[in-house]
Amino acid sequence: MRSPNARRAFTLIELLVVIAIIAILAAILFPVFAQAKTAAKKATDSSNEKQIVLGLLMYANDYDDLFPRNDYTVPARPSWAAFTWREACAPYIKNGTPNVSWVNDQPLAMDGIWKSPAEPSNGRYGYNVHRGLMPNEYDWEFGNTYVIPSRGQGSIENIAGTLLLTTVGINPDWGSAALGLEVAWWWHGGAQWPPVFTGPTSGAQWDNDRAPCSWGSPLNPSCGMPRYRYSESANIGWVDGHVKSVKKGALNWCKHIYTPGFTERPSASSDANYDWIVGPGQPCEPYLR
């Protein structure tokens, strides 16, 4: 007969039940923890974008309602080491680490709010701007060079529905993104005719961090396209200053990127001005009714 003071050990069945309960709890809680971590990063990302967008708007208030250009040529730097929009609006934000370029002693806007919390650890410049509203200083076509001015809120009809800033893909080979967000309808339409401006075969298909980032072959303009890093969604900063999350496949070039008078370069090329694509019977017409 067992002594009343004898210690009773777990039976094998009891031990297996306890292990099973722990495994079930872990299976329930671990995804919750992962979702909470993603939500925290998304909130930080939204805050970063909000501050950057407000910095761009403050810059525009001081410069005749014009956003900074994507890049500028400055005498202190080689032509390939441009002064960028990030550095132009950085004094209005005063956040992040002003890393000194090896080119010269000019500070570069990096880290802090300039780094999306979900981009690769070696990533740089994961936030990028609408290259039609904030173009490069120079563009070229058919051997001609054009100086393209930037735009501001006053030249845009739907400021609450026009994209200004979002996260883009990173090329892991050089740890950086493209110069500006790609704005050509071709890529946002899925590189097909007729273009598809919503859903998985639209520009959402370029959602990746990949090398090479190439507009040639294989087709992969991912470094200049929106990157949906937060549970198939991305935060977007809009021209009116607010930031809102958009699900992958819901960003529509016709509604959110195109603006009347939109042009990538001021030339006579039929494809340079995109107004034709919103006309009767054209691909954008159903979305703008």
Protein backbone atom coordinates (compact mmCIF):
# COMPACT_ATOMS: atom_id res chain seq x y z
CA MET A 1 0.00 0.00 0.00
CA ARG A 2 1.30 3.47 -0.98
CA SER A 3 2.42 5.62 1.94
CA PRO A 4 0.34 8.82 2.36
CA ASN A 5 3.62 10.79 2.35
CA ALA A 6 4.87 9.25 -0.88
CA ARG A 7 5.26 11.65 -3.82
CA ARG A 8 3.17 10.85 -6.87
CA ALA A 9 4.94 11.28 -10.24
CA PHE A 10 3.34 12.28 -13.55
CA THR A 11 2.18 9.39 -15.63
CA LEU A 12 3.21 9.26 -19.26
CA ILE A 13 -0.32 10.13 -20.36
CA GLU A 14 -0.40 13.20 -18.11
CA LEU A 15 2.98 14.34 -19.40
CA LEU A 16 1.86 13.97 -23.00
CA VAL A 17 -1.33 15.93 -22.26
CA VAL A 18 0.67 18.80 -20.73
CA ILE A 19 3.02 18.87 -23.74
CA ALA A 20 0.05 18.84 -26.10
CA ILE A 21 -1.56 21.77 -24.25
CA ILE A 22 1.67 23.77 -24.40
CA ALA A 23 2.00 23.02 -28.13
CA ILE A 24 -1.58 24.13 -28.76
CA LEU A 25 -1.07 27.36 -26.82
CA ALA A 26 2.17 28.05 -28.70
CA ALA A 27 0.45 27.45 -32.04
CA ILE A 28 -2.25 29.95 -31.03
CA LEU A 29 0.00 32.61 -29.52
CA PHE A 30 3.04 32.68 -31.83
CA PRO A 31 1.07 33.98 -34.84
CA VAL A 32 -0.50 36.58 -32.56
CA PHE A 33 2.94 37.72 -31.45
CA ALA A 34 4.08 37.89 -35.09
CA GLN A 35 1.01 39.92 -36.02
CA ALA A 36 1.59 42.27 -33.09
CA LYS A 37 5.21 42.77 -34.20
CA THR A 38 4.10 43.49 -37.77
CA ALA A 39 1.44 45.91 -36.52
CA ALA A 40 4.04 47.76 -34.43
CA LYS A 41 6.37 48.07 -37.43
CA LYS A 42 3.48 49.26 -39.58
CA ALA A 43 2.59 51.94 -37.01
CA THR A 44 6.22 53.12 -36.93
CA ASP A 45 6.31 53.14 -40.72
CA SER A 46 3.12 55.23 -40.83
CA SER A 47 4.62 57.72 -38.36
CA ASN A 48 7.81 57.95 -40.45
CA GLU A 49 5.85 58.66 -43.61
CA LYS A 50 3.70 61.25 -41.87
CA GLN A 51 6.76 63.20 -40.73
CA ILE A 52 8.40 63.01 -44.15
CA VAL A 53 5.23 64.13 -45.96
CA LEU A 54 4.83 67.06 -43.55
CA GLY A 55 8.46 67.98 -44.21
CA LEU A 56 7.77 68.00 -47.95
CA LEU A 57 4.70 70.19 -47.44
CA MET A 58 6.65 72.65 -45.27
CA TYR A 59 9.35 72.79 -47.92
CA ALA A 60 6.69 73.56 -50.54
CA ASN A 61 5.26 76.34 -48.36
CA ASP A 62 8.65 78.05 -48.46
CA TYR A 63 9.25 77.48 -52.18
CA ASP A 64 6.22 78.83 -54.06
CA ASP A 65 4.10 75.69 -53.58
CA LEU A 66 6.66 73.44 -55.27
CA PHE A 67 7.92 70.18 -53.84
CA PRO A 68 11.67 69.59 -54.13
CA ARG A 69 12.84 67.75 -57.20
CA ASN A 70 13.92 64.16 -56.87
CA ASP A 71 17.55 65.18 -57.28
CA TYR A 72 19.73 68.20 -58.00
CA THR A 73 23.17 68.66 -59.48
CA VAL A 74 25.35 70.70 -57.10
CA PRO A 75 28.85 72.03 -57.76
CA ALA A 76 30.33 70.35 -54.67
CA ARG A 77 29.52 66.87 -55.96
CA PRO A 78 30.15 64.76 -59.03
CA SER A 79 27.18 64.69 -61.39
CA TRP A 80 26.30 61.15 -60.31
CA ALA A 81 26.23 62.07 -56.60
CA ALA A 82 23.10 64.19 -56.63
CA PHE A 83 21.65 66.26 -53.82
CA THR A 84 18.30 64.56 -53.24
CA TRP A 85 14.81 65.46 -52.10
CA ARG A 86 15.57 63.81 -48.76
CA GLU A 87 18.34 66.26 -48.02
CA ALA A 88 16.23 69.15 -49.30
CA CYS A 89 13.44 68.55 -46.78
CA ALA A 90 15.61 67.14 -43.95
CA PRO A 91 15.99 70.56 -42.22
CA TYR A 92 12.21 70.61 -41.72
CA ILE A 93 12.28 67.18 -40.07
CA LYS A 94 15.55 67.03 -38.12
CA ASN A 95 15.46 63.31 -37.53
CA GLY A 96 17.63 60.42 -38.59
CA THR A 97 21.37 60.01 -38.77
CA PRO A 98 23.16 62.51 -41.03
CA ASN A 99 25.73 60.11 -42.45
CA VAL A 100 28.61 61.83 -44.20
CA SER A 101 29.08 60.79 -47.81
CA TRP A 102 32.50 59.59 -48.86
CA VAL A 103 32.10 61.89 -51.87
CA ASN A 104 32.39 65.02 -49.73
CA ASP A 105 31.21 66.45 -46.44
CA GLN A 106 27.55 66.74 -47.45
CA PRO A 107 25.18 64.97 -45.03
CA LEU A 108 22.87 62.28 -46.39
CA ALA A 109 19.41 61.63 -44.99
CA MET A 110 19.58 58.05 -43.69
CA ASP A 111 18.38 55.93 -40.77
CA GLY A 112 15.87 57.21 -38.24
CA ILE A 113 12.60 58.04 -39.96
CA TRP A 114 14.26 57.63 -43.35
CA LYS A 115 14.39 53.86 -42.94
CA SER A 116 11.27 51.73 -43.17
CA PRO A 117 11.31 49.30 -40.21
CA ALA A 118 10.48 46.30 -42.41
CA GLU A 119 12.99 46.88 -45.20
CA PRO A 120 16.17 44.74 -45.41
CA SER A 121 18.77 45.47 -42.75
CA ASN A 122 21.22 46.69 -45.38
CA GLY A 123 18.53 48.69 -47.17
CA ARG A 124 18.73 52.38 -47.96
CA TYR A 125 16.20 54.83 -49.35
CA GLY A 126 13.22 52.47 -49.03
CA TYR A 127 10.85 55.45 -49.03
CA ASN A 128 10.42 57.02 -52.45
CA VAL A 129 8.33 59.76 -53.99
CA HIS A 130 6.08 60.18 -57.02
CA ARG A 131 8.56 60.89 -59.82
CA GLY A 132 5.91 62.77 -61.85
CA LEU A 133 5.35 65.30 -59.05
CA MET A 134 8.99 65.39 -57.93
CA PRO A 135 10.98 64.61 -61.11
CA ASN A 136 14.69 64.25 -61.59
CA GLU A 137 16.42 67.52 -62.39
CA TYR A 138 17.16 66.32 -65.90
CA ASP A 139 15.45 63.83 -68.16
CA TRP A 140 16.19 62.88 -71.72
CA GLU A 141 14.46 61.55 -74.79
CA PHE A 142 15.72 61.02 -78.32
CA GLY A 143 19.04 62.67 -77.46
CA ASN A 144 17.42 65.78 -75.95
CA THR A 145 17.83 66.84 -72.32
CA TYR A 146 14.97 68.50 -70.46
CA VAL A 147 14.82 70.38 -67.18
CA ILE A 148 11.54 69.37 -65.59
CA PRO A 149 9.99 71.48 -62.81
CA SER A 150 8.41 69.89 -59.78
CA ARG A 151 4.78 70.41 -58.83
CA GLY A 152 2.85 71.29 -55.67
CA GLN A 153 -0.58 70.97 -54.12
CA GLY A 154 -1.99 73.86 -56.15
CA SER A 155 -1.46 72.03 -59.46
CA ILE A 156 -3.20 68.83 -58.37
CA GLU A 157 -6.97 68.41 -58.39
CA ASN A 158 -7.37 65.50 -55.99
CA ILE A 159 -4.74 66.07 -53.32
CA ALA A 160 -6.35 63.59 -50.90
CA GLY A 161 -6.25 60.81 -53.49
CA THR A 162 -2.89 61.38 -55.17
CA LEU A 163 0.12 59.40 -53.97
CA LEU A 164 3.18 61.34 -52.85
CA LEU A 165 5.32 58.83 -50.91
CA THR A 166 5.44 55.11 -50.21
CA THR A 167 7.80 52.18 -49.63
CA VAL A 168 9.57 50.62 -52.61
CA GLY A 169 11.61 47.49 -53.33
CA ILE A 170 15.30 47.19 -52.49
CA ASN A 171 17.99 45.72 -54.72
CA PRO A 172 19.97 43.49 -52.33
CA ASP A 173 23.07 43.70 -54.56
CA TRP A 174 23.51 47.37 -53.76
CA GLY A 175 21.21 47.71 -50.75
CA SER A 176 19.29 50.61 -52.23
CA ALA A 177 16.14 51.48 -54.11
CA ALA A 178 15.60 53.26 -57.40
CA LEU A 179 15.65 57.03 -57.82
CA GLY A 180 11.99 57.76 -57.28
CA LEU A 181 8.79 55.78 -57.61
CA GLU A 182 8.09 54.45 -61.10
CA VAL A 183 5.13 56.38 -62.55
CA ALA A 184 4.72 54.98 -66.07
CA TRP A 185 1.25 53.49 -66.65
CA TRP A 186 2.88 50.50 -68.38
CA TRP A 187 4.39 49.08 -65.20
CA HIS A 188 1.44 49.91 -62.97
CA GLY A 189 -0.77 48.26 -65.58
CA GLY A 190 1.14 45.00 -65.30
CA ALA A 191 3.35 45.48 -68.40
CA GLN A 192 0.56 44.31 -70.69
CA TRP A 193 -2.01 45.65 -73.11
CA PRO A 194 -4.69 46.40 -72.28
CA PRO A 195 -3.28 47.38 -68.89
CA VAL A 196 -4.76 45.93 -65.70
CA PHE A 197 -4.73 48.55 -62.97
CA THR A 198 -6.02 46.50 -60.02
CA GLY A 199 -5.46 43.02 -58.64
CA PRO A 200 -2.54 40.59 -58.61
CA THR A 201 -1.62 41.03 -62.31
CA SER A 202 -1.40 44.81 -62.02
CA GLY A 203 1.72 46.62 -60.81
CA ALA A 204 1.30 44.66 -57.57
CA GLN A 205 3.12 41.76 -59.23
CA TRP A 206 6.45 43.61 -58.88
CA ASP A 207 6.18 43.47 -55.08
CA ASN A 208 9.62 42.10 -54.15
CA ASP A 209 13.19 42.90 -53.16
CA ARG A 210 15.21 41.55 -56.01
CA ALA A 211 18.41 41.90 -57.97
CA PRO A 212 18.79 42.92 -60.63
CA CYS A 213 16.16 45.63 -60.64
CA SER A 214 15.82 45.86 -64.38
CA TRP A 215 13.47 47.34 -66.93
CA GLY A 216 15.01 45.04 -69.54
CA SER A 217 15.01 41.27 -69.48
CA PRO A 218 13.82 39.68 -67.32
CA LEU A 219 11.22 42.34 -66.69
CA ASN A 220 11.43 43.36 -63.06
CA PRO A 221 11.07 47.05 -62.14
CA SER A 222 10.66 46.16 -58.46
CA CYS A 223 13.09 48.75 -57.06
CA GLY A 224 10.89 51.54 -58.38
CA MET A 225 7.52 50.00 -57.54
CA PRO A 226 5.47 50.00 -54.31
CA ARG A 227 6.52 47.36 -51.78
CA TYR A 228 3.78 45.86 -49.61
CA ARG A 229 5.74 44.95 -46.49
CA TYR A 230 2.95 44.76 -43.89
CA SER A 231 0.62 41.77 -44.30
CA GLU A 232 0.07 42.46 -47.99
CA SER A 233 -0.42 46.19 -47.43
CA ALA A 234 1.63 49.38 -47.65
CA ASN A 235 1.36 52.77 -46.00
CA ILE A 236 0.99 55.60 -48.48
CA GLY A 237 1.54 59.30 -47.85
CA TRP A 238 -0.84 61.42 -49.90
CA VAL A 239 -0.41 64.93 -51.29
CA ASP A 240 -2.78 66.47 -48.72
CA GLY A 241 -0.56 65.21 -45.89
CA HIS A 242 -2.46 62.20 -44.54
CA VAL A 243 -1.10 58.64 -44.47
CA LYS A 244 -3.30 55.62 -45.15
CA SER A 245 -2.70 51.91 -45.61
CA VAL A 246 -3.59 50.36 -48.97
CA LYS A 247 -3.95 46.64 -49.63
CA LYS A 248 -1.82 45.01 -52.30
CA GLY A 249 -3.56 45.21 -55.67
CA ALA A 250 -5.79 48.14 -54.67
CA LEU A 251 -3.46 51.00 -55.70
CA ASN A 252 -4.84 52.23 -59.01
CA TRP A 253 -2.63 54.21 -61.39
CA CYS A 254 -5.58 56.00 -62.98
CA LYS A 255 -7.00 57.19 -59.65
CA HIS A 256 -3.95 57.54 -57.42
CA ILE A 257 -0.94 58.35 -59.62
CA TYR A 258 -2.21 59.99 -62.82
CA THR A 259 -3.10 63.68 -62.64
CA PRO A 260 -4.41 65.86 -65.53
CA GLY A 261 -1.51 67.24 -67.54
CA PHE A 262 0.66 64.40 -66.31
CA THR A 263 3.91 64.10 -68.21
CA GLU A 264 7.22 62.43 -67.56
CA ARG A 265 9.05 64.84 -69.83
CA PRO A 266 8.02 67.98 -71.77
CA SER A 267 8.38 66.71 -75.31
CA ALA A 268 6.32 66.02 -78.40
CA SER A 269 6.46 62.26 -77.90
CA SER A 270 2.98 60.74 -77.95
CA ASP A 271 3.82 58.61 -74.93
CA ALA A 272 5.33 61.39 -72.83
CA ASN A 273 1.96 62.95 -72.01
CA TYR A 274 -0.49 60.47 -70.51
CA ASP A 275 -3.73 62.43 -70.91
CA TRP A 276 -4.79 60.20 -73.82
CA ILE A 277 -5.15 57.18 -71.55
CA VAL A 278 -8.14 58.67 -69.69
CA GLY A 279 -10.15 59.46 -72.85
CA PRO A 280 -13.36 57.74 -74.00
CA GLY A 281 -12.84 54.03 -74.50
CA GLN A 282 -9.32 54.16 -73.08
CA PRO A 283 -8.11 51.93 -70.19
CA CYS A 284 -8.50 54.54 -67.42
CA GLU A 285 -11.93 55.76 -68.42
CA PRO A 286 -13.95 53.18 -66.37
CA TYR A 287 -12.08 54.10 -63.18
CA LEU A 288 -12.65 57.85 -63.53
CA ARG A 289 -16.37 57.90 -64.27
